Structure formats: C-alpha cells, structure tokens
Amino acid sequence: MELVNSGYTWKMDPISIYLHIPFCKHRCGYCDFNTYAGLDNLIPEYVDALVDEIVFFAAHKSQKLNAHTIFFGGGTPSLLTISQIEKIMNAIGDSFNLTADMEVSLEANPGTVDFEYFSNIRSMGINRLSMGVQSANSIELKILERQHGYSDAILAMEEARRAGFENISLDLIFGLPNQVLADWKENLIKAFSLTPDHISLYSLTVEKGTPLEKQVKNGIYPYPDDDVAADMYEWTMDFLGENGFAHYEISNWAKISGGGEINLSRHNLQYWKNKPYIGFGAGAHSSIGGYRFSNILTPRKYINQMSEMKPNKFPRTPTSIEVQLIDKEVAMNETMMMGLRLLQQGVAKNDFKIRFGQDLEETFKDEIRELLKKELLKWGGDSNQTLLLTKRGRVLGNQVFMKFV
C-alpha cells in the first residue's frame, strides 16, 4: 500500500502499534511524560475509549494494515487488569493483519506484578517485558521517587521467567545527583546479574516543571555532572561489550545469543528506521502516510472526545490534533537523526537512494564532511558504504543529531 503526499511516494511498510496507558500509582519526581496519578477510577472508561479508537481507525481505511509490533507503554500499563488487556488485544487482532512473529511488549514496574499476572498476559500473546528497574540503590530510588525496592525487581524477574518470558528488557538511569562512577558500576553489575535479554540505559535529564527540577533549584540535590555521566557511559560500553551484549543503539544493548543473533527491540527499531507507526491513547503520537499527528493529552478529554465519534480523515481519529505534513526534506533529516542512532546499521547509501531517490553524500555534503573531520562519524559496513557514529560520536551524539534538525 502506498500513499502519495506532496509529490513524494510513501511506501506503507508493516506498521507498529503503540498503546499509551497514562495511569500511575505515583508520578515519579523526574518524569515529564504524559502520565497521571490518582485517576485509576478512569481506567475502565479509558480502555473502552482506547478500543473505540482502534475500531474507528480500522473502520475508516480501505484495507487492513499489516502490523508486526505492539507496545503497551505509559505510565504503568501493568495497572490494567487481565480482562482489560485482553479486550485491547482482541480489538487489535480484529483491526489489523498481525504477523505470525509479532513482538508484543508491555512496560511493567516491579512491585505491581506477580506470577499470576505474568502467566495470564503471556497466554494472550504478550511475549516481551520492559521492566522499569531504574536503580539497584535504595537512596537513588528515593531521589527518583520510585515506589519499589531492588528486591521487588529481583522477584519480578524470577516470576516473569517462571511464567515463560524469554525476552525481558531492563531500564536503568545513570548520571543521578551525587552518583559517582562506583555507584553506577554497582548498579549495572547488579542489573546484569539478573540475566536480562536487553538493557536500556538513559542519562538523567532534569526536565523543566518536574519536582526534581524544583529540588535541584532549591539546593536539595546538585545538578547531575555531565562529565561523570560521560565516564559512566564509556565504562558501560566497555563492560557490556566484554560481557556478551551488542551495543546496537545509542542507549540500548542486546544480549548476543550462541548463534550470534541479538535480541533487539523490534518496536523501537521502527522509530529509529523512521518507518510508520500508529499510536492509540491520550497523548499518543503517530507517523503514517506522510503525516505526523498526536492525540489529546488528558485522559478525561480523550475519553470525552472519543465518545463523540466526530469524523476525521484517515489515518487520523476523533482524538487527533497537531497534524504535521512530513515532506521529503523533513523525512530525509529525520532518517539521518534516527538512523545514526543505530550503531551497527547506521544510514546506508543504497537504502537512502532507494527511499529518497537522492545521493546521501550530495544531500548532506557539508554536514557529513564536518562530522567526519571531527571524527564523530565514519564510513563502515560493506565496502564502506554506510555512515556510522564513531565511539566518540556515541558520547557526543547530540552534536551529530543537531546537524540534521
């Protein structure tokens, strides 16, 4: 299926589906995501609205789209009951052609899940977990205002394995206030000992308007030290590389199997390759058919808007706002920004030529020349036809990405 927009043909690859579950028991002090605490009473109505949006989308397209990944994100998706998850999964199954090798992920916070829950979601097709561990240190968990302890993470991993999950990712945060390299080493080594299949690591950003920003401004905590965070990142690259993990994306590592395969996140790969995805739920984002758009932010407004079922032009739904045309220039820039995050795949000349009908080196001549000179990029891959970040470029990635804004 192809959609033509502004003289540029957008090939409709198999899509990815994101489901935003914005509810939390407690909103962590560093979080600036579209999440809400204390609104659990809205969950049943919200799930109904989410299902209605999926069904609406399906009813307003000429044919079923092929989908190969589903991701329940949040928020805390594990706050949904088994019957609510089943209802959503059934709606997706009725609305899309699902590939036989679907990757279906669910974010879960330690302390909110148990063996019975894991067993039930596994039986309905969820085959990948993303566990928000964040730290193994009780003081750091307090700074982050997480509601679990590291013992909860240990138990959650044990019970998920017992329930049959063979693809589990752990999320951790480094570069916290007062955190030194030795603290981070201990955190990562403890997380590694849980034998995850995938690890996502993020440097803490003090986001505007968050409780953490207020605490930092008031002197309760110091600003994170960027130089120390860079040391942590460089040590992490060495440690995980020496212990059987492939650094395949700037913030992500995947375990290398005995056969040399890596257990990467196929859903996130869709974003990094700048391929189409549709987001359902409050504040969810979509990029499909040459347009980018997002949904109304708050759960109550989302529920109300969806209940009115106002018509909208495919692929948008009644809750869609902030529609943006993605022209060829924007698409090329975004393909560079996202593709260069993929450390092994990068951006290949041939792929770029096939997709955009232009030569990569001619299109970004000045940017590439400057970044090669600064040793932030290099040519690699087969016959040196692929543009890749250098090791230095991984640490200074933002300097590279800003060239393509």
Protein backbone atom coordinates (compact mmCIF):
# COMPACT_ATOMS: atom_id res chain seq x y z
CA MET A 1 0.00 0.00 0.00
CA GLU A 2 1.33 3.47 -0.88
CA LEU A 3 0.16 6.97 -0.06
CA VAL A 4 1.28 9.89 -2.20
CA ASN A 5 1.89 13.21 -0.49
CA SER A 6 3.39 16.43 -1.89
CA GLY A 7 4.91 14.64 -4.86
CA TYR A 8 6.69 12.11 -2.64
CA THR A 9 5.60 8.46 -2.52
CA TRP A 10 5.49 6.97 0.97
CA LYS A 11 5.70 3.19 0.86
CA MET A 12 3.50 1.66 3.56
CA ASP A 13 5.73 -0.84 5.34
CA PRO A 14 4.27 -3.07 8.07
CA ILE A 15 3.36 -0.72 10.88
CA SER A 16 3.98 -0.72 14.62
CA ILE A 17 1.23 -0.03 17.16
CA TYR A 18 1.78 1.95 20.33
CA LEU A 19 -0.81 1.97 23.14
CA HIS A 20 -0.46 4.70 25.75
CA ILE A 21 -1.63 3.83 29.26
CA PRO A 22 -1.12 7.11 31.16
CA PHE A 23 -2.01 5.96 34.69
CA CYS A 24 0.41 5.60 37.61
CA LYS A 25 0.06 4.93 41.31
CA HIS A 26 2.61 7.68 41.88
CA ARG A 27 4.18 10.13 39.43
CA CYS A 28 7.97 10.00 39.84
CA GLY A 29 9.75 13.26 40.54
CA TYR A 30 11.90 13.19 37.38
CA CYS A 31 9.09 12.22 34.99
CA ASP A 32 7.77 14.63 32.36
CA PHE A 33 5.86 12.01 30.34
CA ASN A 34 2.11 12.27 29.80
CA THR A 35 1.22 10.38 32.98
CA TYR A 36 -1.28 10.91 35.80
CA ALA A 37 -1.55 9.63 39.36
CA GLY A 38 -4.82 9.32 41.26
CA LEU A 39 -7.02 8.74 38.19
CA ASP A 40 -7.38 4.97 38.46
CA ASN A 41 -11.16 5.37 38.50
CA LEU A 42 -10.97 6.40 34.84
CA ILE A 43 -9.23 3.24 33.68
CA PRO A 44 -12.39 1.28 32.67
CA GLU A 45 -13.73 4.22 30.62
CA TYR A 46 -10.30 4.84 29.18
CA VAL A 47 -9.91 1.26 27.99
CA ASP A 48 -13.32 1.47 26.30
CA ALA A 49 -12.26 4.69 24.56
CA LEU A 50 -8.96 3.13 23.51
CA VAL A 51 -10.78 0.17 21.97
CA ASP A 52 -13.20 2.57 20.24
CA GLU A 53 -10.26 4.46 18.73
CA ILE A 54 -8.72 1.24 17.41
CA VAL A 55 -12.05 0.16 15.92
CA PHE A 56 -12.66 3.63 14.44
CA PHE A 57 -9.25 3.54 12.76
CA ALA A 58 -9.99 0.12 11.30
CA ALA A 59 -13.40 1.17 10.00
CA HIS A 60 -12.05 4.17 8.07
CA LYS A 61 -9.39 2.53 5.95
CA SER A 62 -9.85 0.69 2.70
CA GLN A 63 -7.96 -2.41 3.79
CA LYS A 64 -6.42 -3.94 6.89
CA LEU A 65 -2.87 -2.79 7.50
CA ASN A 66 -0.15 -5.28 8.38
CA ALA A 67 1.27 -4.83 11.89
CA HIS A 68 4.35 -6.55 13.29
CA THR A 69 4.87 -5.00 16.75
CA ILE A 70 2.66 -3.81 19.61
CA PHE A 71 3.89 -1.84 22.60
CA PHE A 72 1.92 -1.10 25.78
CA GLY A 73 3.64 1.99 27.21
CA GLY A 74 2.93 4.55 29.88
CA GLY A 75 2.51 5.31 32.60
CA THR A 76 2.15 1.91 34.13
CA PRO A 77 0.42 -0.49 31.71
CA SER A 78 0.64 -3.26 34.30
CA LEU A 79 -2.10 -1.44 36.23
CA LEU A 80 -4.56 -2.77 33.64
CA THR A 81 -6.46 -5.89 34.57
CA ILE A 82 -6.08 -9.06 32.55
CA SER A 83 -9.56 -8.63 31.06
CA GLN A 84 -8.74 -5.05 30.01
CA ILE A 85 -5.55 -6.13 28.24
CA GLU A 86 -7.46 -8.96 26.57
CA LYS A 87 -10.10 -6.51 25.36
CA ILE A 88 -7.46 -4.29 23.77
CA MET A 89 -5.63 -7.24 22.21
CA ASN A 90 -8.86 -8.57 20.72
CA ALA A 91 -9.64 -5.18 19.16
CA ILE A 92 -6.18 -5.04 17.59
CA GLY A 93 -6.50 -8.60 16.31
CA ASP A 94 -9.80 -7.73 14.65
CA SER A 95 -8.47 -4.49 13.15
CA PHE A 96 -5.04 -5.44 11.76
CA ASN A 97 -3.33 -8.28 9.98
CA LEU A 98 -0.88 -9.43 12.62
CA THR A 99 2.32 -11.15 11.58
CA ALA A 100 3.00 -14.63 12.89
CA ASP A 101 6.18 -13.46 14.63
CA MET A 102 4.59 -10.46 16.37
CA GLU A 103 6.64 -8.76 19.07
CA VAL A 104 4.21 -7.65 21.79
CA SER A 105 5.80 -5.66 24.62
CA LEU A 106 4.43 -4.39 27.91
CA GLU A 107 6.10 -1.99 30.32
CA ALA A 108 5.89 -3.17 33.92
CA ASN A 109 7.07 -1.69 37.19
CA PRO A 110 8.50 -4.05 39.82
CA GLY A 111 6.09 -4.31 42.73
CA THR A 112 2.97 -4.07 40.52
CA VAL A 113 3.19 -7.55 39.01
CA ASP A 114 3.27 -11.18 40.14
CA PHE A 115 3.49 -14.68 38.70
CA GLU A 116 -0.25 -14.98 38.04
CA TYR A 117 -0.32 -11.67 36.17
CA PHE A 118 2.73 -12.59 34.09
CA SER A 119 1.25 -16.00 33.26
CA ASN A 120 -2.04 -14.51 32.11
CA ILE A 121 -0.56 -11.83 29.85
CA ARG A 122 1.89 -14.35 28.41
CA SER A 123 -1.02 -16.62 27.47
CA MET A 124 -2.70 -13.85 25.49
CA GLY A 125 0.32 -13.13 23.29
CA ILE A 126 2.48 -10.63 25.18
CA ASN A 127 5.99 -12.01 24.70
CA ARG A 128 8.32 -9.19 25.76
CA LEU A 129 8.60 -7.21 29.01
CA SER A 130 10.23 -3.85 29.61
CA MET A 131 10.93 -3.60 33.34
CA GLY A 132 11.45 -0.17 34.89
CA VAL A 133 14.12 -1.02 37.47
CA GLN A 134 15.99 2.35 37.15
CA SER A 135 18.40 1.68 40.04
CA ALA A 136 19.54 -1.01 42.46
CA ASN A 137 20.37 1.61 45.11
CA SER A 138 17.73 2.50 47.72
CA ILE A 139 18.97 6.10 48.08
CA GLU A 140 18.85 6.62 44.33
CA LEU A 141 15.38 5.10 44.11
CA LYS A 142 14.29 7.63 46.73
CA ILE A 143 15.75 10.51 44.68
CA LEU A 144 13.82 9.24 41.67
CA GLU A 145 10.71 8.72 43.84
CA ARG A 146 10.31 5.16 42.64
CA GLN A 147 7.83 3.11 44.63
CA HIS A 148 9.72 -0.19 44.53
CA GLY A 149 12.89 -1.59 46.03
CA TYR A 150 15.57 -3.61 44.29
CA SER A 151 14.25 -6.77 45.98
CA ASP A 152 10.99 -6.19 44.05
CA ALA A 153 12.99 -6.16 40.81
CA ILE A 154 14.67 -9.46 41.70
CA LEU A 155 11.29 -11.06 42.48
CA ALA A 156 9.66 -9.68 39.32
CA MET A 157 12.43 -11.10 37.15
CA GLU A 158 12.19 -14.51 38.83
CA GLU A 159 8.42 -14.68 38.43
CA ALA A 160 8.48 -13.43 34.83
CA ARG A 161 10.95 -16.16 33.92
CA ARG A 162 8.85 -18.75 35.72
CA ALA A 163 5.83 -17.57 33.70
CA GLY A 164 7.71 -18.29 30.48
CA PHE A 165 9.06 -14.89 29.39
CA GLU A 166 12.25 -15.29 27.36
CA ASN A 167 12.60 -11.66 26.26
CA ILE A 168 12.97 -9.21 29.15
CA SER A 169 14.48 -5.75 28.99
CA LEU A 170 15.60 -3.71 31.98
CA ASP A 171 15.55 0.10 32.09
CA LEU A 172 18.14 1.91 34.21
CA ILE A 173 19.06 5.57 34.70
CA PHE A 174 22.58 6.89 35.27
CA GLY A 175 24.04 10.31 35.95
CA LEU A 176 21.92 10.99 39.05
CA PRO A 177 22.66 13.77 41.54
CA ASN A 178 25.57 12.75 43.82
CA GLN A 179 26.06 9.50 41.87
CA VAL A 180 29.71 8.57 41.32
CA LEU A 181 31.17 6.04 38.91
CA ALA A 182 31.49 3.36 41.59
CA ASP A 183 27.76 3.67 42.37
CA TRP A 184 26.85 3.21 38.73
CA LYS A 185 29.17 0.23 38.33
CA GLU A 186 27.46 -1.47 41.26
CA ASN A 187 24.02 -0.72 39.80
CA LEU A 188 24.81 -2.11 36.38
CA ILE A 189 26.59 -5.19 37.71
CA LYS A 190 23.57 -5.99 39.90
CA ALA A 191 21.18 -5.50 36.98
CA PHE A 192 23.41 -7.64 34.78
CA SER A 193 23.27 -10.41 37.38
CA LEU A 194 19.51 -10.65 36.79
CA THR A 195 20.37 -12.04 33.31
CA PRO A 196 18.22 -9.71 31.19
CA ASP A 197 17.98 -10.19 27.44
CA HIS A 198 18.12 -6.48 26.72
CA ILE A 199 19.19 -3.35 28.63
CA SER A 200 18.12 0.25 28.04
CA LEU A 201 20.20 2.91 29.78
CA TYR A 202 19.38 6.60 29.96
CA SER A 203 21.29 9.56 31.32
CA LEU A 204 19.11 11.54 33.71
CA THR A 205 17.79 14.83 32.38
CA VAL A 206 16.38 17.33 34.85
CA GLU A 207 13.23 18.26 32.95
CA LYS A 208 11.53 21.63 33.32
CA GLY A 209 8.50 21.70 35.57
CA THR A 210 9.25 18.44 37.36
CA PRO A 211 9.54 18.11 41.15
CA LEU A 212 13.18 17.10 40.65
CA GLU A 213 13.93 20.37 38.90
CA LYS A 214 12.46 22.26 41.87
CA GLN A 215 14.54 20.20 44.30
CA VAL A 216 17.70 20.89 42.31
CA LYS A 217 16.96 24.62 42.09
CA ASN A 218 16.33 24.71 45.85
CA GLY A 219 19.67 23.05 46.56
CA ILE A 220 18.27 19.77 47.87
CA TYR A 221 20.19 17.92 45.15
CA PRO A 222 23.04 19.13 42.93
CA TYR A 223 22.74 19.21 39.16
CA PRO A 224 23.95 15.97 37.61
CA ASP A 225 27.59 16.12 36.47
CA ASP A 226 27.77 15.68 32.68
CA ASP A 227 31.44 14.69 32.78
CA VAL A 228 30.79 11.96 35.34
CA ALA A 229 27.81 10.75 33.28
CA ALA A 230 30.08 10.54 30.21
CA ASP A 231 32.55 8.42 32.21
CA MET A 232 29.69 6.14 33.24
CA TYR A 233 28.57 5.75 29.63
CA GLU A 234 32.06 4.93 28.39
CA TRP A 235 32.58 2.36 31.14
CA THR A 236 29.18 0.85 30.31
CA MET A 237 30.14 0.41 26.65
CA ASP A 238 33.25 -1.49 27.69
CA PHE A 239 31.59 -3.59 30.42
CA LEU A 240 28.58 -4.73 28.40
CA GLY A 241 30.69 -5.28 25.30
CA GLU A 242 33.01 -7.56 27.25
CA ASN A 243 30.06 -9.48 28.69
CA GLY A 244 28.14 -10.62 25.65
CA PHE A 245 25.93 -7.62 24.86
CA ALA A 246 25.81 -5.83 21.50
CA HIS A 247 25.57 -2.04 21.63
CA TYR A 248 23.14 -1.73 18.73
CA GLU A 249 21.56 1.67 19.51
CA ILE A 250 22.97 4.64 21.35
CA SER A 251 21.02 3.85 24.56
CA ASN A 252 20.32 0.15 24.03
CA TRP A 253 22.21 -3.13 24.37
CA ALA A 254 21.00 -6.60 23.42
CA LYS A 255 22.30 -9.98 24.53
CA ILE A 256 24.14 -11.92 21.84
CA SER A 257 22.89 -15.50 21.52
CA GLY A 258 25.08 -18.54 20.94
CA GLY A 259 24.27 -18.28 17.26
CA GLY A 260 25.35 -14.65 17.10
CA GLU A 261 21.83 -13.19 16.94
CA ILE A 262 20.88 -10.21 19.09
CA ASN A 263 17.60 -9.72 20.91
CA LEU A 264 16.95 -6.12 19.89
CA SER A 265 13.69 -4.20 20.35
CA ARG A 266 11.87 -4.56 17.04
CA HIS A 267 9.26 -2.00 18.07
CA ASN A 268 11.78 0.73 18.79
CA LEU A 269 13.63 -0.21 15.61
CA GLN A 270 10.54 1.00 13.76
CA TYR A 271 11.09 4.51 15.18
CA TRP A 272 14.84 4.50 14.60
CA LYS A 273 14.35 3.47 10.97
CA ASN A 274 11.74 6.21 10.55
CA LYS A 275 9.05 3.75 9.49
CA PRO A 276 5.27 4.11 10.03
CA TYR A 277 3.61 3.70 13.40
CA ILE A 278 0.20 4.46 14.82
CA GLY A 279 -0.36 5.50 18.44
CA PHE A 280 -3.63 4.99 20.28
CA GLY A 281 -4.49 6.64 23.59
CA ALA A 282 -4.14 10.02 25.31
CA GLY A 283 -1.09 11.90 24.05
CA ALA A 284 -0.03 9.07 21.71
CA HIS A 285 1.89 10.04 18.56
CA SER A 286 1.57 8.64 15.05
CA SER A 287 3.63 8.90 11.88
CA ILE A 288 1.96 7.33 8.89
CA GLY A 289 1.10 8.12 5.31
CA GLY A 290 3.25 11.24 5.16
CA TYR A 291 1.73 12.88 8.23
CA ARG A 292 2.62 13.13 11.90
CA PHE A 293 -0.05 13.78 14.48
CA SER A 294 -0.76 13.32 18.18
CA ASN A 295 -3.79 12.78 20.39
CA ILE A 296 -5.40 14.94 23.03
CA LEU A 297 -3.28 14.77 26.20
CA THR A 298 -5.54 14.32 29.23
CA PRO A 299 -7.41 11.05 29.84
CA ARG A 300 -10.77 12.71 30.57
CA LYS A 301 -10.68 14.86 27.43
CA TYR A 302 -9.54 11.87 25.43
CA ILE A 303 -12.48 9.80 26.71
CA ASN A 304 -14.97 12.60 26.04
CA GLN A 305 -13.65 13.32 22.55
CA MET A 306 -13.68 9.67 21.60
CA SER A 307 -17.26 9.28 22.83
CA GLU A 308 -18.41 12.00 20.40
CA MET A 309 -17.03 9.98 17.46
CA LYS A 310 -16.52 13.07 15.30
CA PRO A 311 -15.39 12.11 11.79
CA ASN A 312 -11.79 12.66 10.79
CA LYS A 313 -9.82 11.95 7.65
CA PHE A 314 -7.85 8.69 7.64
CA PRO A 315 -5.41 7.96 9.19
CA ARG A 316 -6.46 10.39 11.93
CA THR A 317 -9.09 9.56 14.56
CA PRO A 318 -11.56 11.77 16.51
CA THR A 319 -8.89 12.48 19.15
CA SER A 320 -6.11 13.53 16.72
CA ILE A 321 -4.58 17.02 16.99
CA GLU A 322 -1.43 18.85 15.84
CA VAL A 323 -1.27 17.37 12.36
CA GLN A 324 2.04 18.00 10.56
CA LEU A 325 2.91 17.29 6.95
CA ILE A 326 6.16 15.35 6.63
CA ASP A 327 7.68 16.50 3.36
CA LYS A 328 10.69 14.92 1.71
CA GLU A 329 13.24 17.26 3.30
CA VAL A 330 11.89 16.63 6.79
CA ALA A 331 11.83 12.88 6.16
CA MET A 332 15.45 12.86 4.98
CA ASN A 333 16.62 14.83 8.02
CA GLU A 334 14.72 12.61 10.41
CA THR A 335 16.02 9.48 8.73
CA MET A 336 19.55 10.72 9.41
CA MET A 337 18.85 11.72 13.03
CA MET A 338 17.17 8.44 13.88
CA GLY A 339 19.20 6.11 11.68
CA LEU A 340 22.54 7.25 13.05
CA ARG A 341 21.38 6.13 16.49
CA LEU A 342 21.68 2.57 15.16
CA LEU A 343 25.33 1.87 15.80
CA GLN A 344 25.69 -1.24 13.65
CA GLN A 345 23.25 -0.37 10.86
CA GLY A 346 23.64 3.42 10.59
CA VAL A 347 22.46 5.01 7.33
CA ALA A 348 23.43 3.13 4.18
CA LYS A 349 23.94 4.97 0.88
CA ASN A 350 21.92 2.43 -1.07
CA ASP A 351 18.96 2.46 1.35
CA PHE A 352 18.88 6.25 1.30
CA LYS A 353 18.97 6.29 -2.52
CA ILE A 354 16.14 3.76 -2.82
CA ARG A 355 13.95 5.60 -0.33
CA PHE A 356 14.51 9.19 -1.45
CA GLY A 357 15.94 8.98 -4.95
CA GLN A 358 18.91 11.12 -3.91
CA ASP A 359 22.55 10.53 -3.17
CA LEU A 360 23.33 10.60 0.55
CA GLU A 361 26.70 12.34 0.22
CA GLU A 362 25.33 15.00 -2.12
CA THR A 363 22.25 15.68 0.01
CA PHE A 364 24.23 16.23 3.23
CA LYS A 365 27.63 17.11 1.78
CA ASP A 366 28.60 19.84 4.27
CA GLU A 367 27.23 18.09 7.34
CA ILE A 368 28.95 14.80 6.56
CA ARG A 369 32.27 16.44 5.73
CA GLU A 370 32.29 18.38 9.03
CA LEU A 371 31.30 15.39 11.17
CA LEU A 372 33.90 13.15 9.51
CA LYS A 373 36.56 15.80 10.16
CA LYS A 374 35.57 15.95 13.84
CA GLU A 375 35.74 12.14 13.98
CA LEU A 376 32.13 11.89 15.11
CA LEU A 377 31.12 9.89 12.02
CA LYS A 378 32.88 7.29 9.91
CA TRP A 379 32.20 5.21 6.82
CA GLY A 380 31.80 1.49 7.52
CA GLY A 381 29.77 -1.58 6.63
CA ASP A 382 30.05 -3.37 3.30
CA SER A 383 32.53 -1.52 1.07
CA ASN A 384 32.44 1.46 3.44
CA GLN A 385 29.03 2.49 2.10
CA THR A 386 27.32 3.10 5.46
CA LEU A 387 27.54 6.18 7.65
CA LEU A 388 28.10 5.30 11.33
CA LEU A 389 28.79 7.03 14.63
CA THR A 390 32.34 6.63 15.94
CA LYS A 391 32.88 5.70 19.58
CA ARG A 392 33.47 9.40 20.26
CA GLY A 393 30.30 10.18 18.31
CA ARG A 394 28.31 7.92 20.61
CA VAL A 395 29.31 10.02 23.61
CA LEU A 396 28.70 13.29 21.74
CA GLY A 397 25.68 12.08 19.80
CA ASN A 398 23.62 15.24 20.28
CA GLN A 399 26.26 17.24 18.41
CA VAL A 400 25.75 14.91 15.46
CA PHE A 401 21.97 14.81 15.54
CA MET A 402 21.64 18.60 15.74
CA LYS A 403 23.24 18.88 12.31
CA PHE A 404 20.12 17.31 10.82
CA VAL A 405 17.44 19.32 12.63
